[in-house]
Amino acid sequence: MPTPLLIGSCEPFSGKSAVVLGLARQLLHLGAVIRFGKPLATTPEPGATGIDADVRFIAQTLHLDDDHLLPSLAVLDPDNARDRLMRGDLSSDPALEQLHQTLIGFGDGLALLEAAGSLSEGMLYGLSLPQLAEGLDASVVLVHLWTDSSSVDPLLQARELLGERLAGVVLNAVSLEAVARVREDVQPALERLGMPVYGVMPRSPLLRSVTVEELGRRLEADVLCCRDRLDLLVETLSIGAMNVNSAMEFFRRRRNMAVVTGADRTDIQLAALEASTQCLILTGAGDPLPQLINRAEELEVPLLKVEHDTLTTVEVIERAFGHVRLHESVKATYAVRLVEEHCDFSQLFERLQLPAAL
């Protein structure tokens, strides 16, 4: 039976998938046999495959065959949750037993399982991180967003819930200027508390980025031009509400922007097109001038028109940053490199007694 290893987090969008991808790549390079899955699906594929879309993307990136993928046991969505709540169904035994029997059918290796988005998510299904860890007798690695020392409280809670099953943590999204200090001070302190730290990863604008297509979907925007460029990645947000001279100076200091401005601010719009702009989002009444659309087409910058006001538009975009799936190949490649540069899992491999690591 493969050794089960859960990758979890204390809060949503911690960067679990990036760590899963980087860790799996290292294991494969060592020659380990990996089975991969998400017990609780969040983005199920159409049809009856039972494979989560995140699992499919990572499998395709790692060139894992379908017979190395583990189907999800349940789907996290409002309808399923309401059905279980109305029935008072909090059982997990059948689902966990099903997964256990599936794993028994395999040989040695590692069953790498991505858990739900927090310590409590999935309790209604009996598939929360602590329940999975106990039911499968699995080791757990937590990927944790770190801001300052007050960030430790969720990790302390996790240690109480998971006990000896907590194998270690990866601290993620650390500000670049704080990485060295966290390694020197915080990492030893956490390890004295019984939480080995396998990595301190800096905040990555690229991994937090969102495609123009996703922004358009969330904003219910009309795409006025460059539909073939909706795969561009937006890393930062700029609001064009100043005079044009100030705007040009501001835009020059930004990169890979989405620029939000009023539909009547043609001067700002044209200035934004000459900068590192991935898309231009127009709010308010009125239509853009034909010369603006022509220039956007020349520079291949998608132009979006929304019905929302500027404040609402900005709020929607800000919620999108860091809250999207790792489904772009450029992000996946960067995630593997980031984990490789900033994480050392040798202690974890020894704990798991993986043949590839011995």
Foldseek 3Di string as FASTA:
>chain_A
DEAEEEEAAAAALLCSLLLVLQVVLVCVVLVFQEAEAAQEAAACDPDDPQGHPSNVLSCVLNVPDPVSYDGHLYYDDDVVLVVLVVVVNQDQVVSLVVVVVSVVPDDYGYYYYYYDGRQCPCRSNLGGPLSNCVSSVHAYEYRYEDEDPVSCVSVVVVCVSNPPSDAAYEYEQYAPVCQVVCVVPVQVVVVVVVHHYFFYFHRDLQLQWDFQVVLCVLQVWDWPDLPVLRRQTAREEEEPDDDLVVLLVVLQVDARYEYEYALPPVSSLVSNLVGRYQEYEHEDDDHHDPVSRVSCRVSSHIYIYGDDHRVVSVVSNVVSGSNDRPNDPVSSVVSNVRCVVTGDCLSVCVVSVGPSSD
